């Protein structure tokens, strides 16, 4: 499974480094992160990491690889 996760604001390199399994790019006032997610547990772990870092997930969707 591949996911695209859009986060409010422009994440710093330090913050994006907390997600080594995802690639990122900044578009307008959002950071788009994307990459493979191995299973549901991994997805929930990513979401918990975003929350613990105080990041606001605007959109999340499964994409074709």
Protein backbone atom coordinates (compact mmCIF):
# COMPACT_ATOMS: atom_id res chain seq x y z
CA UNK A 1 0.00 0.00 0.00
CA UNK A 2 1.14 3.53 -0.72
CA UNK A 3 -0.23 6.57 1.06
CA UNK A 4 -0.17 10.32 0.56
CA UNK A 5 -0.46 12.35 3.74
CA UNK A 6 -0.90 16.12 3.65
CA UNK A 7 0.19 18.08 6.70
CA UNK A 8 -0.69 21.69 7.46
CA UNK A 9 2.27 24.05 7.15
CA UNK A 10 5.82 23.64 5.98
CA UNK A 11 7.62 20.97 7.98
CA UNK A 12 11.30 21.51 8.76
CA UNK A 13 13.97 19.00 7.78
CA UNK A 14 14.17 17.96 11.41
CA UNK A 15 10.47 17.09 11.44
CA UNK A 16 10.52 15.28 8.10
CA UNK A 17 13.51 13.26 9.38
CA UNK A 18 11.14 11.78 11.99
CA UNK A 19 9.50 9.94 9.06
CA UNK A 20 12.42 8.23 7.29
CA UNK A 21 10.11 5.84 5.45
CA UNK A 22 8.30 8.70 3.69
CA UNK A 23 9.40 11.18 1.04
CA UNK A 24 8.21 14.76 1.30
CA UNK A 25 7.68 17.91 -0.70
CA UNK A 26 6.24 21.31 0.13
CA UNK A 27 3.30 22.53 -1.92
CA UNK A 28 1.81 25.92 -1.06
CA UNK A 29 1.26 25.94 2.71
CA UNK A 30 1.28 22.16 3.12
CA UNK A 31 3.85 19.41 3.35
CA UNK A 32 2.97 16.35 1.31
CA UNK A 33 4.43 13.09 2.52
CA UNK A 34 4.16 9.87 0.58
CA UNK A 35 5.46 6.35 0.50
CA UNK A 36 4.81 2.72 1.30
CA UNK A 37 2.85 1.71 4.38
CA UNK A 38 3.27 -1.94 5.25
CA UNK A 39 0.07 -2.57 7.19
CA UNK A 40 -2.63 -1.03 9.36
CA UNK A 41 -0.36 -0.98 12.43
CA UNK A 42 2.26 0.99 10.51
CA UNK A 43 -0.40 3.48 9.38
CA UNK A 44 -1.65 4.02 12.94
CA UNK A 45 1.95 4.39 14.11
CA UNK A 46 2.54 7.12 11.52
CA UNK A 47 -0.60 8.95 12.61
CA UNK A 48 0.46 8.71 16.27
CA UNK A 49 3.88 10.13 15.34
CA UNK A 50 2.25 13.08 13.55
CA UNK A 51 0.05 13.72 16.58
CA UNK A 52 2.89 13.46 19.10
CA UNK A 53 4.87 16.04 17.11
CA UNK A 54 1.90 18.43 17.12
CA UNK A 55 1.35 18.18 13.37
CA UNK A 56 -2.12 18.58 11.85
CA UNK A 57 -2.93 16.02 9.17
CA UNK A 58 -5.20 17.70 6.62
CA UNK A 59 -5.73 14.74 4.31
CA UNK A 60 -4.66 11.13 4.04
CA UNK A 61 -5.39 8.78 1.19
CA UNK A 62 -4.26 5.51 -0.27
CA UNK A 63 -2.74 5.87 -3.73
CA UNK A 64 -1.60 3.57 -6.47
CA UNK A 65 2.09 2.82 -6.14
